[in-house]
Amino acid sequence: MVEICQVSEENLKLLLDEFQQSTRASKQNCQSVAERIKQEVERICIESKRIQASGEISKWAKNLAQHRLRQCLHYYKLGSREGRIHLHSSLSAIVYRYITPPQIQ
């Protein structure tokens, strides 16, 4: 049975507050990003068998949300050019390491 995962309103507020304090983005944009992180975390928690089996779904949700927040703020602080370079590099490594068939690597 899949347990429903929900990022609490308290955790959503913490995400929103951190975005507002750490960026120059408008409240509406911060709210939008925090909401997208919330939805992504809920999706991961619902789909992950390991998280479901752990029985600590709310703990996982909080940790995942905080991790996503740190990632977003890291790229924000790098700036648009450096952030894109770093993100592209990370995504390339994922594609080549995990998606490319072994005989091509």
Protein backbone atom coordinates (compact mmCIF):
# COMPACT_ATOMS: atom_id res chain seq x y z
CA MET A 1 0.00 0.00 0.00
CA VAL A 2 1.32 3.44 -0.94
CA GLU A 3 1.23 5.94 1.86
CA ILE A 4 0.29 9.43 0.81
CA CYS A 5 3.17 11.85 1.08
CA GLN A 6 2.50 15.48 1.77
CA VAL A 7 4.95 18.27 2.40
CA SER A 8 3.43 20.03 5.38
CA GLU A 9 2.33 23.65 5.18
CA GLU A 10 4.99 24.40 7.80
CA ASN A 11 7.72 22.98 5.56
CA LEU A 12 6.32 24.83 2.54
CA LYS A 13 6.42 28.07 4.55
CA LEU A 14 10.04 27.37 5.53
CA LEU A 15 10.93 26.88 1.85
CA LEU A 16 9.16 30.09 0.90
CA ASP A 17 10.80 32.09 3.70
CA GLU A 18 14.26 30.81 2.78
CA PHE A 19 13.77 31.69 -0.90
CA GLN A 20 12.59 35.18 0.00
CA GLN A 21 15.52 35.78 2.35
CA SER A 22 18.15 34.34 0.00
CA THR A 23 17.05 35.79 -3.35
CA ARG A 24 15.82 39.03 -4.86
CA ALA A 25 12.88 37.26 -6.51
CA SER A 26 9.33 38.45 -5.99
CA LYS A 27 7.12 36.76 -3.43
CA GLN A 28 5.02 35.29 -6.26
CA ASN A 29 8.09 33.75 -7.94
CA CYS A 30 9.35 32.37 -4.62
CA GLN A 31 5.90 30.89 -3.97
CA SER A 32 5.91 29.29 -7.42
CA VAL A 33 9.33 27.67 -6.95
CA ALA A 34 8.47 26.46 -3.44
CA GLU A 35 5.24 24.93 -4.76
CA ARG A 36 7.10 23.14 -7.57
CA ILE A 37 9.60 21.74 -5.07
CA LYS A 38 6.70 20.57 -2.91
CA GLN A 39 5.07 18.78 -5.86
CA GLU A 40 8.34 17.15 -6.92
CA VAL A 41 9.09 15.93 -3.39
CA GLU A 42 5.59 14.49 -3.04
CA ARG A 43 5.97 12.69 -6.40
CA ILE A 44 9.34 11.22 -5.40
CA CYS A 45 8.04 10.05 -2.02
CA ILE A 46 5.00 8.38 -3.57
CA GLU A 47 6.94 6.64 -6.35
CA SER A 48 9.94 5.51 -4.28
CA LYS A 49 9.51 2.01 -2.92
CA ARG A 50 12.46 2.53 -0.60
CA ILE A 51 10.92 5.64 0.94
CA GLN A 52 7.54 3.93 1.26
CA ALA A 53 9.14 0.88 2.91
CA SER A 54 11.06 3.03 5.40
CA GLY A 55 7.89 4.20 7.13
CA GLU A 56 9.49 7.63 7.61
CA ILE A 57 7.87 9.35 4.68
CA SER A 58 7.43 12.77 6.28
CA LYS A 59 11.09 12.76 7.36
CA TRP A 60 12.16 11.89 3.81
CA ALA A 61 9.88 14.61 2.42
CA LYS A 62 11.42 17.25 4.67
CA ASN A 63 14.98 16.17 3.84
CA LEU A 64 14.31 16.04 0.10
CA ALA A 65 12.68 19.48 0.17
CA GLN A 66 15.66 20.94 2.03
CA HIS A 67 18.07 19.32 -0.41
CA ARG A 68 16.18 20.75 -3.41
CA LEU A 69 16.17 24.16 -1.73
CA ARG A 70 19.95 24.03 -1.24
CA GLN A 71 20.44 23.02 -4.88
CA CYS A 72 18.27 25.88 -6.15
CA LEU A 73 20.04 28.43 -3.97
CA HIS A 74 23.45 27.07 -5.04
CA TYR A 75 22.61 27.59 -8.72
CA TYR A 76 21.08 30.98 -7.95
CA LYS A 77 24.27 32.10 -6.21
CA LEU A 78 26.41 30.90 -9.11
CA GLY A 79 24.51 33.22 -11.42
CA SER A 80 22.89 32.50 -14.75
CA ARG A 81 26.04 31.71 -16.74
CA GLU A 82 27.97 29.69 -14.15
CA GLY A 83 24.79 28.04 -12.92
CA ARG A 84 23.95 26.81 -16.42
CA ILE A 85 27.50 25.53 -16.94
CA HIS A 86 27.48 23.65 -13.65
CA LEU A 87 24.00 22.23 -14.19
CA HIS A 88 24.84 21.15 -17.76
CA SER A 89 28.00 19.45 -16.51
CA SER A 90 26.07 17.56 -13.83
CA LEU A 91 23.34 16.50 -16.25
CA SER A 92 25.91 15.37 -18.83
CA ALA A 93 27.59 13.19 -16.22
CA ILE A 94 24.23 11.62 -15.35
CA VAL A 95 23.40 10.94 -19.00
CA TYR A 96 26.76 9.41 -19.82
CA ARG A 97 27.05 7.45 -16.60
CA TYR A 98 23.55 6.09 -16.15
CA ILE A 99 21.70 6.33 -19.45
CA THR A 100 24.28 5.59 -22.14
CA PRO A 101 24.52 1.86 -22.89
CA PRO A 102 27.68 0.21 -21.44
CA GLN A 103 29.18 -0.74 -24.83
CA ILE A 104 29.25 2.95 -25.88
CA GLN A 105 30.94 4.18 -22.71
